[in-house]
Amino acid sequence: MAREDHGIEHEPALNLAFDQEVDASEAKAAHILAKQRPRDAKQAHEHSVHDELAYLPDDLDRPTLIDRDFSCNACGYNLRGLVLGQPCPECNHVQYERPSRTDREGYAHWLAGRLRATSQTKSWVIVFVVAFLSGLWSVFGAFWNAGVGGLSNFFALAVWGPAVEEVMKIALIAVIIERAPYLFANRMQIIVAAIGAGLMFAIIENFLYLFVYIPDPPAWLVVWRWTVCVALHVGCTLVAGMGAAKVWHTQVTQMRRLPIPVDMRYLVAAILIHGVYNGTVTLLELSGAF
């Protein structure tokens, strides 16, 4: 019996439910599309239209007012009180990203729910696991850096090595902030995780240097490595961790995903501090001071 309703809701491409009649010629396409539909809350927020950029900000007669804290992606200036699409007063960047709403399916709704469901105990377990794994993981980065060919010894020690080590020490924290920020309950947990990662890396590196690479090390070197070197690694990772904590705080207070999970200014500062130390020690060693 032919349908008398000619509405578009009966088009095969819009009808993905298997309990309804699907045209035989469209069955394969319907099956593929159904498999691609979001199966959980995380997939649902990633496919939500409510987080799409507003290339044409609403009706001109009813512009959208940014009525809560919402930072500029370019400079971090708080755009609260401005109209969506209005240039940032600080840097003139035009941002068409909408503030997310917690009452509609999307990133804000998903994040708010996950934050409520994650316990403090689970968060602290994650902190210590991340600290341990980050320290261990970054040691492999140091080994990889040592095996890189085609680089001068000074460049590898003062530039390439510090960059690789600092990025890898903070990498797991950055992944969590990007993919599952609800696993951290506050900024202090990120700081603790960063300090733990730097400390774990320093401990493993010291054991390798003092018990494997350098047979019978002098007492001054043992003291140096357990004081200055530990402080260096912990301090540099702490600086990078502060940049990660800053991004995390913005995400969970503004309920939005930022383009980069770590403030790059802090990460670059950590790399520079590490690089200056390595470069200075290398020059002193070459000059015969050590």
Protein backbone atom coordinates (compact mmCIF):
# COMPACT_ATOMS: atom_id res chain seq x y z
CA MET A 1 0.00 0.00 0.00
CA ALA A 2 1.48 3.32 -1.10
CA ARG A 3 2.14 5.99 1.52
CA GLU A 4 0.09 9.16 1.19
CA ASP A 5 2.54 11.10 3.35
CA HIS A 6 5.30 12.52 1.17
CA GLY A 7 7.36 14.04 4.03
CA ILE A 8 11.14 13.76 4.00
CA GLU A 9 11.13 11.78 7.25
CA HIS A 10 10.42 8.64 5.19
CA GLU A 11 13.53 9.04 3.04
CA PRO A 12 15.74 5.92 3.39
CA ALA A 13 18.85 7.93 4.23
CA LEU A 14 17.07 9.49 7.23
CA ASN A 15 15.57 6.25 8.49
CA LEU A 16 18.26 4.27 10.33
CA ALA A 17 16.09 2.22 12.66
CA PHE A 18 16.14 -1.51 11.85
CA ASP A 19 12.69 -2.06 13.31
CA GLN A 20 11.21 0.00 10.47
CA GLU A 21 10.97 -0.91 6.82
CA VAL A 22 14.10 -0.03 4.83
CA ASP A 23 14.27 -0.07 1.05
CA ALA A 24 16.32 -3.07 -0.06
CA SER A 25 18.59 -0.90 -2.18
CA GLU A 26 19.42 1.22 0.87
CA ALA A 27 19.84 -1.62 3.37
CA LYS A 28 23.64 -1.74 3.14
CA ALA A 29 23.99 2.04 3.54
CA ALA A 30 21.55 2.03 6.47
CA HIS A 31 23.57 -0.72 8.16
CA ILE A 32 26.83 1.21 7.78
CA LEU A 33 25.30 4.46 9.04
CA ALA A 34 23.73 2.72 12.01
CA LYS A 35 27.15 1.35 13.05
CA GLN A 36 28.52 4.89 12.96
CA ARG A 37 25.85 6.32 15.27
CA PRO A 38 27.10 7.33 18.76
CA ARG A 39 26.96 4.37 21.15
CA ASP A 40 27.77 6.19 24.39
CA ALA A 41 27.82 9.65 25.96
CA LYS A 42 31.39 10.36 24.82
CA GLN A 43 30.64 9.60 21.19
CA ALA A 44 27.40 11.57 21.45
CA HIS A 45 29.16 14.74 22.60
CA GLU A 46 31.81 14.38 19.89
CA HIS A 47 29.07 14.26 17.25
CA SER A 48 26.87 16.96 18.78
CA VAL A 49 25.82 19.88 16.59
CA HIS A 50 25.56 22.14 19.64
CA ASP A 51 29.34 22.58 19.74
CA GLU A 52 29.68 23.54 16.08
CA LEU A 53 31.31 26.87 15.27
CA ALA A 54 28.95 29.77 14.58
CA TYR A 55 30.26 31.05 11.28
CA LEU A 56 27.22 33.31 11.03
CA PRO A 57 26.41 34.35 14.61
CA ASP A 58 22.61 34.00 14.99
CA ASP A 59 20.18 36.56 13.63
CA LEU A 60 21.51 40.09 13.29
CA ASP A 61 18.48 41.37 15.23
CA ARG A 62 19.18 38.98 18.14
CA PRO A 63 22.96 38.62 18.53
CA THR A 64 24.25 36.08 21.05
CA LEU A 65 25.65 37.69 24.19
CA ILE A 66 28.51 35.83 25.90
CA ASP A 67 27.05 35.85 29.41
CA ARG A 68 29.73 33.87 31.25
CA ASP A 69 33.50 33.51 31.42
CA PHE A 70 34.78 32.53 27.98
CA SER A 71 38.40 33.13 27.04
CA CYS A 72 39.79 34.15 23.66
CA ASN A 73 41.62 31.27 21.97
CA ALA A 74 44.32 33.62 20.72
CA CYS A 75 45.28 35.60 23.84
CA GLY A 76 43.17 34.30 26.74
CA TYR A 77 41.24 37.56 27.27
CA ASN A 78 37.85 37.04 28.95
CA LEU A 79 35.17 37.68 26.29
CA ARG A 80 32.32 37.82 28.81
CA GLY A 81 29.92 40.67 27.98
CA LEU A 82 30.80 40.71 24.28
CA VAL A 83 28.66 39.55 21.37
CA LEU A 84 29.54 36.30 19.62
CA GLY A 85 31.64 37.17 16.58
CA GLN A 86 32.79 40.52 17.98
CA PRO A 87 36.60 41.02 17.78
CA CYS A 88 38.55 40.50 20.98
CA PRO A 89 39.39 43.90 22.51
CA GLU A 90 42.85 42.65 23.43
CA CYS A 91 44.12 41.07 20.19
CA ASN A 92 41.31 41.68 17.64
CA HIS A 93 40.86 37.92 17.11
CA VAL A 94 37.34 37.01 15.92
CA GLN A 95 36.13 33.86 17.65
CA TYR A 96 33.01 32.07 16.44
CA GLU A 97 33.06 29.29 19.01
CA ARG A 98 29.87 29.20 21.06
CA PRO A 99 29.90 28.82 24.85
CA SER A 100 28.67 25.27 25.48
CA ARG A 101 25.41 24.63 27.31
CA THR A 102 25.11 21.97 30.01
CA ASP A 103 21.41 21.38 29.29
CA ARG A 104 22.02 20.16 25.73
CA GLU A 105 23.91 17.15 24.46
CA GLY A 106 27.46 18.24 23.80
CA TYR A 107 30.86 18.67 25.41
CA ALA A 108 29.64 20.74 28.38
CA HIS A 109 26.81 18.32 29.18
CA TRP A 110 29.15 15.32 28.93
CA LEU A 111 31.93 16.91 30.99
CA ALA A 112 29.62 18.12 33.76
CA GLY A 113 28.18 14.63 34.13
CA ARG A 114 31.57 12.94 34.20
CA LEU A 115 32.93 15.41 36.76
CA ARG A 116 30.01 14.62 39.07
CA ALA A 117 30.51 10.87 38.63
CA THR A 118 34.28 10.79 39.29
CA SER A 119 35.24 10.34 42.95
CA GLN A 120 38.17 12.00 44.72
CA THR A 121 39.63 8.58 45.44
CA LYS A 122 39.65 7.65 41.77
CA SER A 123 41.23 11.00 40.89
CA TRP A 124 44.12 10.51 43.31
CA VAL A 125 44.71 6.97 42.07
CA ILE A 126 44.93 8.40 38.54
CA VAL A 127 47.41 11.05 39.76
CA PHE A 128 49.87 8.50 41.14
CA VAL A 129 49.49 6.15 38.17
CA VAL A 130 50.12 9.05 35.78
CA ALA A 131 53.18 10.17 37.76
CA PHE A 132 54.70 6.69 37.66
CA LEU A 133 53.94 5.99 34.01
CA SER A 134 55.03 9.47 32.86
CA GLY A 135 58.41 9.12 34.54
CA LEU A 136 58.92 5.65 33.12
CA TRP A 137 57.72 6.65 29.65
CA SER A 138 60.01 9.67 29.47
CA VAL A 139 63.04 7.47 30.22
CA PHE A 140 62.36 5.67 26.95
CA GLY A 141 62.36 9.10 25.31
CA ALA A 142 65.80 9.76 26.75
CA PHE A 143 67.05 6.44 25.35
CA TRP A 144 65.57 7.30 21.97
CA ASN A 145 67.23 10.72 22.06
CA ALA A 146 70.59 9.11 22.86
CA GLY A 147 70.25 6.89 19.80
CA VAL A 148 69.35 9.64 17.36
CA GLY A 149 72.04 9.98 14.73
CA GLY A 150 72.97 12.91 12.56
CA LEU A 151 72.97 15.43 15.42
CA SER A 152 75.97 17.11 16.99
CA ASN A 153 76.62 16.11 20.58
CA PHE A 154 76.04 19.66 21.87
CA PHE A 155 72.79 20.14 19.92
CA ALA A 156 71.48 16.78 21.10
CA LEU A 157 72.27 17.57 24.76
CA ALA A 158 71.26 21.23 24.88
CA VAL A 159 68.34 21.44 22.45
CA TRP A 160 66.91 18.18 21.20
CA GLY A 161 67.25 16.19 24.40
CA PRO A 162 65.56 18.71 26.74
CA ALA A 163 62.70 19.16 24.27
CA VAL A 164 62.07 15.41 23.98
CA GLU A 165 62.29 14.77 27.72
CA GLU A 166 60.06 17.65 28.80
CA VAL A 167 57.41 16.86 26.20
CA MET A 168 57.33 13.19 27.15
CA LYS A 169 57.21 13.90 30.90
CA ILE A 170 54.06 15.98 30.44
CA ALA A 171 52.56 13.99 27.53
CA LEU A 172 50.28 11.65 29.51
CA ILE A 173 48.90 14.53 31.59
CA ALA A 174 48.19 16.40 28.35
CA VAL A 175 46.38 13.40 26.85
CA ILE A 176 44.13 13.12 29.91
CA ILE A 177 43.33 16.85 29.82
CA GLU A 178 42.41 16.57 26.16
CA ARG A 179 40.46 13.31 26.26
CA ALA A 180 39.24 12.86 29.86
CA PRO A 181 39.75 16.04 31.95
CA TYR A 182 37.23 14.80 34.53
CA LEU A 183 39.84 12.35 35.84
CA PHE A 184 41.50 15.28 37.62
CA ALA A 185 39.51 16.91 40.45
CA ASN A 186 41.58 20.08 40.85
CA ARG A 187 44.68 21.88 39.66
CA MET A 188 46.77 20.66 42.59
CA GLN A 189 46.40 17.06 41.38
CA ILE A 190 47.94 18.01 38.04
CA ILE A 191 50.82 19.75 39.83
CA VAL A 192 51.38 16.66 42.00
CA ALA A 193 51.30 14.41 38.92
CA ALA A 194 53.87 16.64 37.18
CA ILE A 195 56.17 16.69 40.23
CA GLY A 196 55.84 12.92 40.52
CA ALA A 197 56.68 12.44 36.84
CA GLY A 198 59.81 14.57 37.14
CA LEU A 199 60.86 12.81 40.35
CA MET A 200 60.32 9.34 38.88
CA PHE A 201 62.33 10.25 35.79
CA ALA A 202 65.18 11.66 37.93
CA ILE A 203 65.31 8.56 40.15
CA ILE A 204 65.49 6.15 37.20
CA GLU A 205 68.05 8.31 35.39
CA ASN A 206 70.23 8.55 38.52
CA PHE A 207 70.25 4.80 39.02
CA LEU A 208 71.27 4.33 35.40
CA TYR A 209 74.06 6.89 35.61
CA LEU A 210 75.41 5.90 39.03
CA PHE A 211 75.09 2.12 38.78
CA VAL A 212 75.30 1.36 35.04
CA TYR A 213 76.98 4.10 33.00
CA ILE A 214 79.56 5.35 35.51
CA PRO A 215 81.44 2.65 37.45
CA ASP A 216 82.48 3.76 40.93
CA PRO A 217 81.26 7.41 40.63
CA PRO A 218 82.96 10.01 42.86
CA ALA A 219 81.08 11.21 45.93
CA TRP A 220 80.59 14.74 44.57
CA LEU A 221 78.85 13.34 41.47
CA VAL A 222 76.49 11.22 43.58
CA VAL A 223 75.55 14.27 45.65
CA TRP A 224 75.20 16.42 42.53
CA ARG A 225 72.87 13.99 40.80
CA TRP A 226 70.65 13.46 43.85
CA THR A 227 70.33 17.19 44.52
CA VAL A 228 70.85 19.43 41.50
CA CYS A 229 69.71 16.96 38.83
CA VAL A 230 66.63 15.91 40.79
CA ALA A 231 65.72 19.56 41.38
CA LEU A 232 66.20 20.28 37.66
CA HIS A 233 63.88 17.52 36.45
CA VAL A 234 61.23 18.13 39.10
CA GLY A 235 61.37 21.89 38.59
CA CYS A 236 61.11 21.77 34.79
CA THR A 237 58.21 19.33 34.86
CA LEU A 238 56.54 21.49 37.49
CA VAL A 239 56.73 24.50 35.16
CA ALA A 240 55.18 22.50 32.29
CA GLY A 241 52.59 21.09 34.73
CA MET A 242 51.54 24.61 35.69
CA GLY A 243 50.76 25.22 32.01
CA ALA A 244 48.70 22.03 31.89
CA ALA A 245 46.85 22.95 35.09
CA LYS A 246 46.01 26.36 33.65
CA VAL A 247 44.43 24.84 30.54
CA TRP A 248 42.58 22.21 32.61
CA HIS A 249 41.10 24.89 34.89
CA THR A 250 39.86 26.89 31.90
CA GLN A 251 38.27 23.77 30.39
CA VAL A 252 36.36 22.69 33.49
CA THR A 253 35.25 26.19 34.52
CA GLN A 254 34.19 27.25 31.04
CA MET A 255 33.03 23.74 30.05
CA ARG A 256 34.84 23.75 26.72
CA ARG A 257 37.67 21.93 24.97
CA LEU A 258 40.69 24.10 24.25
CA PRO A 259 42.78 23.56 21.09
CA ILE A 260 46.00 22.67 22.99
CA PRO A 261 46.00 20.82 26.36
CA VAL A 262 49.13 22.58 27.69
CA ASP A 263 49.92 26.29 27.70
CA MET A 264 52.89 26.28 25.34
CA ARG A 265 54.58 29.23 27.04
CA TYR A 266 55.10 27.11 30.16
CA LEU A 267 56.31 24.10 28.19
CA VAL A 268 58.78 26.20 26.20
CA ALA A 269 60.02 27.75 29.45
CA ALA A 270 60.62 24.27 30.89
CA ILE A 271 62.54 23.23 27.77
CA LEU A 272 64.66 26.40 27.86
CA ILE A 273 65.56 25.95 31.55
CA HIS A 274 66.53 22.33 30.89
CA GLY A 275 68.44 23.27 27.75
CA VAL A 276 70.41 26.07 29.45
CA TYR A 277 71.41 23.69 32.24
CA ASN A 278 72.50 20.94 29.83
CA GLY A 279 74.35 23.40 27.62
CA THR A 280 76.18 24.99 30.54
CA VAL A 281 77.23 21.63 32.02
CA THR A 282 78.37 20.41 28.59
CA LEU A 283 80.53 23.49 28.00
CA LEU A 284 82.05 23.23 31.46
CA GLU A 285 82.84 19.57 30.86
CA LEU A 286 84.45 20.33 27.50
CA SER A 287 86.52 23.08 29.09
CA GLY A 288 87.87 20.67 31.70
CA ALA A 289 86.10 22.27 34.68
CA PHE A 290 84.54 18.88 35.54
